[in-house]
Amino acid sequence: MTTDYIWLGVGLVGQALFSARFLVQWIASERRKRSVVPLAFWYFSVGGGVTLLAYAIYRRDPVFILGQGAGLFVYARNLWLIYRASPAPLAES
């Protein structure tokens, strides 16, 4: 197996993770009977984005690198906002 085939596999796994986030969002919305964006959506976004960014860097594709890099910023920012909005656990006495 050549390096190119391994990286092709990495790219396909990244795309699968990235696409799975829409399935996660759709299922969550159907269960609640309204449009929702579950936490898992953002984790799949980061996982797929990081994997696709690695693939884009390997391919040396500046358009792909810029697109995934910008997307990762948005996904990370959303996770940070969610983290900051969650209630802090109670400290034990």
PDB file of N, CA and C in Angstrom:
ATOM      1  N   MET A   1       0.851  -1.173   0.000  1.00  0.00           N
ATOM      2  CA  MET A   1       0.000   0.000   0.000  1.00  0.00           C
ATOM      3  C   MET A   1       0.903   1.243   0.000  1.00  0.00           C
ATOM      4  N   THR A   2       0.634   2.148  -0.918  1.00  0.00           N
ATOM      5  CA  THR A   2       1.462   3.345  -1.036  1.00  0.00           C
ATOM      6  C   THR A   2       0.955   4.459  -0.118  1.00  0.00           C
ATOM      7  N   THR A   3       1.801   5.446   0.078  1.00  0.00           N
ATOM      8  CA  THR A   3       1.442   6.601   0.901  1.00  0.00           C
ATOM      9  C   THR A   3       0.217   7.310   0.340  1.00  0.00           C
ATOM     10  N   ASP A   4       0.136   7.407  -0.992  1.00  0.00           N
ATOM     11  CA  ASP A   4      -1.022   8.070  -1.602  1.00  0.00           C
ATOM     12  C   ASP A   4      -2.324   7.358  -1.248  1.00  0.00           C
ATOM     13  N   TYR A   5      -2.318   6.042  -1.233  1.00  0.00           N
ATOM     14  CA  TYR A   5      -3.531   5.295  -0.883  1.00  0.00           C
ATOM     15  C   TYR A   5      -3.892   5.473   0.592  1.00  0.00           C
ATOM     16  N   ILE A   6      -2.887   5.530   1.435  1.00  0.00           N
ATOM     17  CA  ILE A   6      -3.151   5.764   2.860  1.00  0.00           C
ATOM     18  C   ILE A   6      -3.796   7.135   3.048  1.00  0.00           C
ATOM     19  N   TRP A   7      -3.241   8.154   2.384  1.00  0.00           N
ATOM     20  CA  TRP A   7      -3.809   9.497   2.502  1.00  0.00           C
ATOM     21  C   TRP A   7      -5.183   9.589   1.858  1.00  0.00           C
ATOM     22  N   LEU A   8      -5.415   8.839   0.813  1.00  0.00           N
ATOM     23  CA  LEU A   8      -6.752   8.789   0.225  1.00  0.00           C
ATOM     24  C   LEU A   8      -7.729   8.227   1.253  1.00  0.00           C
ATOM     25  N   GLY A   9      -7.308   7.188   1.968  1.00  0.00           N
ATOM     26  CA  GLY A   9      -8.139   6.628   3.038  1.00  0.00           C
ATOM     27  C   GLY A   9      -8.406   7.640   4.133  1.00  0.00           C
ATOM     28  N   VAL A  10      -7.374   8.398   4.512  1.00  0.00           N
ATOM     29  CA  VAL A  10      -7.537   9.447   5.526  1.00  0.00           C
ATOM     30  C   VAL A  10      -8.561  10.476   5.046  1.00  0.00           C
ATOM     31  N   GLY A  11      -8.447  10.882   3.800  1.00  0.00           N
ATOM     32  CA  GLY A  11      -9.392  11.847   3.240  1.00  0.00           C
ATOM     33  C   GLY A  11     -10.817  11.321   3.226  1.00  0.00           C
ATOM     34  N   LEU A  12     -10.983  10.053   2.879  1.00  0.00           N
ATOM     35  CA  LEU A  12     -12.322   9.457   2.848  1.00  0.00           C
ATOM     36  C   LEU A  12     -12.911   9.326   4.252  1.00  0.00           C
ATOM     37  N   VAL A  13     -12.084   8.962   5.224  1.00  0.00           N
ATOM     38  CA  VAL A  13     -12.556   8.882   6.615  1.00  0.00           C
ATOM     39  C   VAL A  13     -12.974  10.270   7.099  1.00  0.00           C
ATOM     40  N   GLY A  14     -12.162  11.273   6.793  1.00  0.00           N
ATOM     41  CA  GLY A  14     -12.504  12.643   7.173  1.00  0.00           C
ATOM     42  C   GLY A  14     -13.811  13.093   6.558  1.00  0.00           C
ATOM     43  N   GLN A  15     -14.010  12.777   5.291  1.00  0.00           N
ATOM     44  CA  GLN A  15     -15.253  13.159   4.626  1.00  0.00           C
ATOM     45  C   GLN A  15     -16.437  12.417   5.221  1.00  0.00           C
ATOM     46  N   ALA A  16     -16.243  11.157   5.592  1.00  0.00           N
ATOM     47  CA  ALA A  16     -17.321  10.387   6.220  1.00  0.00           C
ATOM     48  C   ALA A  16     -17.705  10.997   7.572  1.00  0.00           C
ATOM     49  N   LEU A  17     -16.711  11.366   8.378  1.00  0.00           N
ATOM     50  CA  LEU A  17     -16.989  12.019   9.664  1.00  0.00           C
ATOM     51  C   LEU A  17     -17.712  13.344   9.451  1.00  0.00           C
ATOM     52  N   PHE A  18     -17.230  14.105   8.507  1.00  0.00           N
ATOM     53  CA  PHE A  18     -17.804  15.410   8.221  1.00  0.00           C
ATOM     54  C   PHE A  18     -19.254  15.273   7.758  1.00  0.00           C
ATOM     55  N   SER A  19     -19.528  14.281   6.923  1.00  0.00           N
ATOM     56  CA  SER A  19     -20.887  14.052   6.428  1.00  0.00           C
ATOM     57  C   SER A  19     -21.792  13.486   7.515  1.00  0.00           C
ATOM     58  N   ALA A  20     -21.242  12.689   8.420  1.00  0.00           N
ATOM     59  CA  ALA A  20     -22.041  12.071   9.482  1.00  0.00           C
ATOM     60  C   ALA A  20     -22.668  13.114  10.394  1.00  0.00           C
ATOM     61  N   ARG A  21     -22.066  14.278  10.474  1.00  0.00           N
ATOM     62  CA  ARG A  21     -22.616  15.316  11.349  1.00  0.00           C
ATOM     63  C   ARG A  21     -24.014  15.723  10.907  1.00  0.00           C
ATOM     64  N   PHE A  22     -24.284  15.684   9.610  1.00  0.00           N
ATOM     65  CA  PHE A  22     -25.620  16.032   9.134  1.00  0.00           C
ATOM     66  C   PHE A  22     -26.631  14.954   9.490  1.00  0.00           C
ATOM     67  N   LEU A  23     -26.203  13.703   9.466  1.00  0.00           N
ATOM     68  CA  LEU A  23     -27.067  12.607   9.890  1.00  0.00           C
ATOM     69  C   LEU A  23     -27.392  12.753  11.383  1.00  0.00           C
ATOM     70  N   VAL A  24     -26.399  13.081  12.186  1.00  0.00           N
ATOM     71  CA  VAL A  24     -26.595  13.296  13.623  1.00  0.00           C
ATOM     72  C   VAL A  24     -27.597  14.431  13.850  1.00  0.00           C
ATOM     73  N   GLN A  25     -27.435  15.523  13.127  1.00  0.00           N
ATOM     74  CA  GLN A  25     -28.325  16.675  13.282  1.00  0.00           C
ATOM     75  C   GLN A  25     -29.744  16.329  12.854  1.00  0.00           C
ATOM     76  N   TRP A  26     -29.881  15.606  11.761  1.00  0.00           N
ATOM     77  CA  TRP A  26     -31.197  15.229  11.253  1.00  0.00           C
ATOM     78  C   TRP A  26     -31.920  14.326  12.254  1.00  0.00           C
ATOM     79  N   ILE A  27     -31.229  13.319  12.770  1.00  0.00           N
ATOM     80  CA  ILE A  27     -31.841  12.397  13.730  1.00  0.00           C
ATOM     81  C   ILE A  27     -32.270  13.148  14.991  1.00  0.00           C
ATOM     82  N   ALA A  28     -31.407  14.029  15.495  1.00  0.00           N
ATOM     83  CA  ALA A  28     -31.748  14.799  16.697  1.00  0.00           C
ATOM     84  C   ALA A  28     -32.966  15.688  16.449  1.00  0.00           C
ATOM     85  N   SER A  29     -33.035  16.291  15.280  1.00  0.00           N
ATOM     86  CA  SER A  29     -34.175  17.157  14.955  1.00  0.00           C
ATOM     87  C   SER A  29     -35.461  16.352  14.831  1.00  0.00           C
ATOM     88  N   GLU A  30     -35.379  15.189  14.208  1.00  0.00           N
ATOM     89  CA  GLU A  30     -36.565  14.342  14.070  1.00  0.00           C
ATOM     90  C   GLU A  30     -37.071  13.885  15.436  1.00  0.00           C
ATOM     91  N   ARG A  31     -36.171  13.558  16.328  1.00  0.00           N
ATOM     92  CA  ARG A  31     -36.577  13.104  17.667  1.00  0.00           C
ATOM     93  C   ARG A  31     -37.285  14.210  18.447  1.00  0.00           C
ATOM     94  N   ARG A  32     -36.822  15.433  18.283  1.00  0.00           N
ATOM     95  CA  ARG A  32     -37.417  16.556  19.028  1.00  0.00           C
ATOM     96  C   ARG A  32     -38.524  17.263  18.251  1.00  0.00           C
ATOM     97  N   LYS A  33     -38.704  16.880  17.001  1.00  0.00           N
ATOM     98  CA  LYS A  33     -39.733  17.486  16.140  1.00  0.00           C
ATOM     99  C   LYS A  33     -39.517  18.983  15.943  1.00  0.00           C
ATOM    100  N   ARG A  34     -38.243  19.388  15.987  1.00  0.00           N
ATOM    101  CA  ARG A  34     -37.858  20.773  15.695  1.00  0.00           C
ATOM    102  C   ARG A  34     -36.381  20.764  15.320  1.00  0.00           C
ATOM    103  N   SER A  35     -35.931  21.813  14.698  1.00  0.00           N
ATOM    104  CA  SER A  35     -34.536  21.873  14.264  1.00  0.00           C
ATOM    105  C   SER A  35     -33.624  22.119  15.463  1.00  0.00           C
ATOM    106  N   VAL A  36     -32.674  21.210  15.662  1.00  0.00           N
ATOM    107  CA  VAL A  36     -31.699  21.347  16.745  1.00  0.00           C
ATOM    108  C   VAL A  36     -30.306  21.018  16.210  1.00  0.00           C
ATOM    109  N   VAL A  37     -29.311  21.547  16.881  1.00  0.00           N
ATOM    110  CA  VAL A  37     -27.920  21.227  16.547  1.00  0.00           C
ATOM    111  C   VAL A  37     -27.301  20.620  17.808  1.00  0.00           C
ATOM    112  N   PRO A  38     -27.211  19.286  17.866  1.00  0.00           N
ATOM    113  CA  PRO A  38     -26.677  18.643  19.067  1.00  0.00           C
ATOM    114  C   PRO A  38     -25.168  18.841  19.209  1.00  0.00           C
ATOM    115  N   LEU A  39     -24.672  18.656  20.415  1.00  0.00           N
ATOM    116  CA  LEU A  39     -23.249  18.787  20.701  1.00  0.00           C
ATOM    117  C   LEU A  39     -22.419  17.862  19.809  1.00  0.00           C
ATOM    118  N   ALA A  40     -22.931  16.666  19.561  1.00  0.00           N
ATOM    119  CA  ALA A  40     -22.201  15.708  18.713  1.00  0.00           C
ATOM    120  C   ALA A  40     -21.943  16.273  17.322  1.00  0.00           C
ATOM    121  N   PHE A  41     -22.827  17.126  16.815  1.00  0.00           N
ATOM    122  CA  PHE A  41     -22.641  17.754  15.507  1.00  0.00           C
ATOM    123  C   PHE A  41     -21.309  18.491  15.466  1.00  0.00           C
ATOM    124  N   TRP A  42     -21.021  19.249  16.534  1.00  0.00           N
ATOM    125  CA  TRP A  42     -19.790  20.036  16.564  1.00  0.00           C
ATOM    126  C   TRP A  42     -18.565  19.148  16.713  1.00  0.00           C
ATOM    127  N   TYR A  43     -18.680  18.063  17.478  1.00  0.00           N
ATOM    128  CA  TYR A  43     -17.548  17.141  17.607  1.00  0.00           C
ATOM    129  C   TYR A  43     -17.266  16.417  16.290  1.00  0.00           C
ATOM    130  N   PHE A  44     -18.311  16.008  15.579  1.00  0.00           N
ATOM    131  CA  PHE A  44     -18.108  15.411  14.256  1.00  0.00           C
ATOM    132  C   PHE A  44     -17.509  16.438  13.301  1.00  0.00           C
ATOM    133  N   SER A  45     -17.930  17.694  13.420  1.00  0.00           N
ATOM    134  CA  SER A  45     -17.377  18.759  12.579  1.00  0.00           C
ATOM    135  C   SER A  45     -15.882  18.916  12.814  1.00  0.00           C
ATOM    136  N   VAL A  46     -15.479  18.937  14.083  1.00  0.00           N
ATOM    137  CA  VAL A  46     -14.056  19.072  14.411  1.00  0.00           C
ATOM    138  C   VAL A  46     -13.280  17.846  13.941  1.00  0.00           C
ATOM    139  N   GLY A  47     -13.798  16.655  14.237  1.00  0.00           N
ATOM    140  CA  GLY A  47     -13.107  15.421  13.825  1.00  0.00           C
ATOM    141  C   GLY A  47     -12.929  15.336  12.325  1.00  0.00           C
ATOM    142  N   GLY A  48     -14.004  15.594  11.596  1.00  0.00           N
ATOM    143  CA  GLY A  48     -13.915  15.577  10.141  1.00  0.00           C
ATOM    144  C   GLY A  48     -13.047  16.697   9.614  1.00  0.00           C
ATOM    145  N   GLY A  49     -13.173  17.890  10.210  1.00  0.00           N
ATOM    146  CA  GLY A  49     -12.392  19.039   9.764  1.00  0.00           C
ATOM    147  C   GLY A  49     -10.896  18.851   9.954  1.00  0.00           C
ATOM    148  N   VAL A  50     -10.503  18.322  11.108  1.00  0.00           N
ATOM    149  CA  VAL A  50      -9.076  18.086  11.369  1.00  0.00           C
ATOM    150  C   VAL A  50      -8.527  17.039  10.403  1.00  0.00           C
ATOM    151  N   THR A  51      -9.286  15.973  10.203  1.00  0.00           N
ATOM    152  CA  THR A  51      -8.842  14.908   9.297  1.00  0.00           C
ATOM    153  C   THR A  51      -8.743  15.418   7.865  1.00  0.00           C
ATOM    154  N   LEU A  52      -9.745  16.177   7.432  1.00  0.00           N
ATOM    155  CA  LEU A  52      -9.704  16.733   6.077  1.00  0.00           C
ATOM    156  C   LEU A  52      -8.607  17.784   5.930  1.00  0.00           C
ATOM    157  N   LEU A  53      -8.343  18.546   6.989  1.00  0.00           N
ATOM    158  CA  LEU A  53      -7.250  19.517   6.932  1.00  0.00           C
ATOM    159  C   LEU A  53      -5.911  18.802   6.762  1.00  0.00           C
ATOM    160  N   ALA A  54      -5.714  17.711   7.485  1.00  0.00           N
ATOM    161  CA  ALA A  54      -4.478  16.931   7.334  1.00  0.00           C
ATOM    162  C   ALA A  54      -4.339  16.428   5.899  1.00  0.00           C
ATOM    163  N   TYR A  55      -5.437  15.950   5.339  1.00  0.00           N
ATOM    164  CA  TYR A  55      -5.429  15.477   3.950  1.00  0.00           C
ATOM    165  C   TYR A  55      -5.122  16.630   2.995  1.00  0.00           C
ATOM    166  N   ALA A  56      -5.729  17.792   3.236  1.00  0.00           N
ATOM    167  CA  ALA A  56      -5.504  18.957   2.371  1.00  0.00           C
ATOM    168  C   ALA A  56      -4.051  19.416   2.434  1.00  0.00           C
ATOM    169  N   ILE A  57      -3.466  19.370   3.633  1.00  0.00           N
ATOM    170  CA  ILE A  57      -2.056  19.746   3.776  1.00  0.00           C
ATOM    171  C   ILE A  57      -1.178  18.759   3.015  1.00  0.00           C
ATOM    172  N   TYR A  58      -1.482  17.483   3.131  1.00  0.00           N
ATOM    173  CA  TYR A  58      -0.727  16.473   2.382  1.00  0.00           C
ATOM    174  C   TYR A  58      -0.822  16.741   0.880  1.00  0.00           C
ATOM    175  N   ARG A  59      -2.029  17.105   0.416  1.00  0.00           N
ATOM    176  CA  ARG A  59      -2.242  17.383  -1.011  1.00  0.00           C
ATOM    177  C   ARG A  59      -1.699  18.748  -1.426  1.00  0.00           C
ATOM    178  N   ARG A  60      -1.348  19.568  -0.443  1.00  0.00           N
ATOM    179  CA  ARG A  60      -0.863  20.932  -0.689  1.00  0.00           C
ATOM    180  C   ARG A  60      -1.870  21.756  -1.495  1.00  0.00           C
ATOM    181  N   ASP A  61      -3.121  21.668  -1.081  1.00  0.00           N
ATOM    182  CA  ASP A  61      -4.217  22.349  -1.762  1.00  0.00           C
ATOM    183  C   ASP A  61      -4.609  23.584  -0.941  1.00  0.00           C
ATOM    184  N   PRO A  62      -4.161  24.784  -1.361  1.00  0.00           N
ATOM    185  CA  PRO A  62      -4.407  25.983  -0.553  1.00  0.00           C
ATOM    186  C   PRO A  62      -5.888  26.316  -0.374  1.00  0.00           C
ATOM    187  N   VAL A  63      -6.709  26.048  -1.372  1.00  0.00           N
ATOM    188  CA  VAL A  63      -8.141  26.337  -1.256  1.00  0.00           C
ATOM    189  C   VAL A  63      -8.769  25.433  -0.199  1.00  0.00           C
ATOM    190  N   PHE A  64      -8.454  24.167  -0.266  1.00  0.00           N
ATOM    191  CA  PHE A  64      -8.949  23.167   0.678  1.00  0.00           C
ATOM    192  C   PHE A  64      -8.432  23.472   2.091  1.00  0.00           C
ATOM    193  N   ILE A  65      -7.165  23.841   2.208  1.00  0.00           N
ATOM    194  CA  ILE A  65      -6.563  24.169   3.506  1.00  0.00           C
ATOM    195  C   ILE A  65      -7.265  25.382   4.122  1.00  0.00           C
ATOM    196  N   LEU A  66      -7.465  26.424   3.334  1.00  0.00           N
ATOM    197  CA  LEU A  66      -8.123  27.629   3.828  1.00  0.00           C
ATOM    198  C   LEU A  66      -9.558  27.332   4.258  1.00  0.00           C
ATOM    199  N   GLY A  67     -10.273  26.572   3.447  1.00  0.00           N
ATOM    200  CA  GLY A  67     -11.662  26.238   3.768  1.00  0.00           C
ATOM    201  C   GLY A  67     -11.786  25.435   5.049  1.00  0.00           C
ATOM    202  N   GLN A  68     -10.968  24.411   5.199  1.00  0.00           N
ATOM    203  CA  GLN A  68     -11.039  23.584   6.406  1.00  0.00           C
ATOM    204  C   GLN A  68     -10.522  24.336   7.627  1.00  0.00           C
ATOM    205  N   GLY A  69      -9.481  25.130   7.441  1.00  0.00           N
ATOM    206  CA  GLY A  69      -8.950  25.909   8.562  1.00  0.00           C
ATOM    207  C   GLY A  69      -9.975  26.897   9.099  1.00  0.00           C
ATOM    208  N   ALA A  70     -10.657  27.594   8.207  1.00  0.00           N
ATOM    209  CA  ALA A  70     -11.688  28.549   8.623  1.00  0.00           C
ATOM    210  C   ALA A  70     -12.847  27.825   9.301  1.00  0.00           C
ATOM    211  N   GLY A  71     -13.237  26.694   8.740  1.00  0.00           N
ATOM    212  CA  GLY A  71     -14.318  25.910   9.335  1.00  0.00           C
ATOM    213  C   GLY A  71     -13.972  25.449  10.742  1.00  0.00           C
ATOM    214  N   LEU A  72     -12.739  25.001  10.937  1.00  0.00           N
ATOM    215  CA  LEU A  72     -12.319  24.538  12.265  1.00  0.00           C
ATOM    216  C   LEU A  72     -12.421  25.647  13.304  1.00  0.00           C
ATOM    217  N   PHE A  73     -12.119  26.868  12.887  1.00  0.00           N
ATOM    218  CA  PHE A  73     -12.255  28.000  13.806  1.00  0.00           C
ATOM    219  C   PHE A  73     -13.711  28.136  14.260  1.00  0.00           C
ATOM    220  N   VAL A  74     -14.645  28.049  13.323  1.00  0.00           N
ATOM    221  CA  VAL A  74     -16.074  28.172  13.641  1.00  0.00           C
ATOM    222  C   VAL A  74     -16.522  27.040  14.566  1.00  0.00           C
ATOM    223  N   TYR A  75     -16.119  25.797  14.265  1.00  0.00           N
ATOM    224  CA  TYR A  75     -16.529  24.651  15.088  1.00  0.00           C
ATOM    225  C   TYR A  75     -15.971  24.777  16.499  1.00  0.00           C
ATOM    226  N   ALA A  76     -14.695  25.144  16.603  1.00  0.00           N
ATOM    227  CA  ALA A  76     -14.071  25.293  17.917  1.00  0.00           C
ATOM    228  C   ALA A  76     -14.736  26.428  18.702  1.00  0.00           C
ATOM    229  N   ARG A  77     -15.062  27.504  18.026  1.00  0.00           N
ATOM    230  CA  ARG A  77     -15.722  28.635  18.693  1.00  0.00           C
ATOM    231  C   ARG A  77     -17.088  28.217  19.228  1.00  0.00           C
ATOM    232  N   ASN A  78     -17.844  27.459  18.458  1.00  0.00           N
ATOM    233  CA  ASN A  78     -19.145  26.990  18.929  1.00  0.00           C
ATOM    234  C   ASN A  78     -18.997  26.084  20.142  1.00  0.00           C
ATOM    235  N   LEU A  79     -18.016  25.189  20.116  1.00  0.00           N
ATOM    236  CA  LEU A  79     -17.785  24.324  21.278  1.00  0.00           C
ATOM    237  C   LEU A  79     -17.398  25.154  22.502  1.00  0.00           C
ATOM    238  N   TRP A  80     -16.587  26.184  22.302  1.00  0.00           N
ATOM    239  CA  TRP A  80     -16.194  27.050  23.412  1.00  0.00           C
ATOM    240  C   TRP A  80     -17.408  27.782  23.990  1.00  0.00           C
ATOM    241  N   LEU A  81     -18.284  28.293  23.124  1.00  0.00           N
ATOM    242  CA  LEU A  81     -19.487  28.985  23.594  1.00  0.00           C
ATOM    243  C   LEU A  81     -20.394  28.035  24.369  1.00  0.00           C
ATOM    244  N   ILE A  82     -20.514  26.809  23.894  1.00  0.00           N
ATOM    245  CA  ILE A  82     -21.322  25.802  24.595  1.00  0.00           C
ATOM    246  C   ILE A  82     -20.703  25.499  25.958  1.00  0.00           C
ATOM    247  N   TYR A  83     -19.382  25.329  25.989  1.00  0.00           N
ATOM    248  CA  TYR A  83     -18.673  25.037  27.236  1.00  0.00           C
ATOM    249  C   TYR A  83     -18.871  26.165  28.250  1.00  0.00           C
ATOM    250  N   ARG A  84     -18.741  27.393  27.784  1.00  0.00           N
ATOM    251  CA  ARG A  84     -18.885  28.548  28.686  1.00  0.00           C
ATOM    252  C   ARG A  84     -20.302  28.701  29.204  1.00  0.00           C
ATOM    253  N   ALA A  85     -21.292  28.290  28.415  1.00  0.00           N
ATOM    254  CA  ALA A  85     -22.691  28.442  28.817  1.00  0.00           C
ATOM    255  C   ALA A  85     -23.156  27.321  29.741  1.00  0.00           C
ATOM    256  N   SER A  86     -22.399  26.213  29.819  1.00  0.00           N
ATOM    257  CA  SER A  86     -22.837  25.107  30.674  1.00  0.00           C
ATOM    258  C   SER A  86     -22.626  25.453  32.138  1.00  0.00           C
ATOM    259  N   PRO A  87     -23.554  24.986  32.961  1.00  0.00           N
ATOM    260  CA  PRO A  87     -23.416  25.269  34.389  1.00  0.00           C
ATOM    261  C   PRO A  87     -22.180  24.585  34.969  1.00  0.00           C
ATOM    262  N   ALA A  88     -21.521  25.283  35.861  1.00  0.00           N
ATOM    263  CA  ALA A  88     -20.322  24.721  36.506  1.00  0.00           C
ATOM    264  C   ALA A  88     -20.746  23.645  37.498  1.00  0.00           C
ATOM    265  N   PRO A  89     -19.975  22.562  37.586  1.00  0.00           N
ATOM    266  CA  PRO A  89     -20.313  21.532  38.574  1.00  0.00           C
ATOM    267  C   PRO A  89     -20.148  22.083  39.994  1.00  0.00           C
ATOM    268  N   LEU A  90     -20.953  21.585  40.887  1.00  0.00           N
ATOM    269  CA  LEU A  90     -20.876  22.036  42.277  1.00  0.00           C
ATOM    270  C   LEU A  90     -19.592  21.537  42.921  1.00  0.00           C
ATOM    271  N   ALA A  91     -18.943  22.419  43.647  1.00  0.00           N
ATOM    272  CA  ALA A  91     -17.714  22.036  44.354  1.00  0.00           C
ATOM    273  C   ALA A  91     -18.095  21.228  45.588  1.00  0.00           C
ATOM    274  N   GLU A  92     -17.317  20.197  45.850  1.00  0.00           N
ATOM    275  CA  GLU A  92     -17.579  19.379  47.037  1.00  0.00           C
ATOM    276  C   GLU A  92     -17.013  20.071  48.267  1.00  0.00           C
ATOM    277  N   SER A  93     -17.733  19.996  49.365  1.00  0.00           N
ATOM    278  CA  SER A  93     -17.285  20.630  50.619  1.00  0.00           C
ATOM    279  C   SER A  93     -16.448  19.676  51.428  1.00  0.00           C
TER     280      SER A  93
END
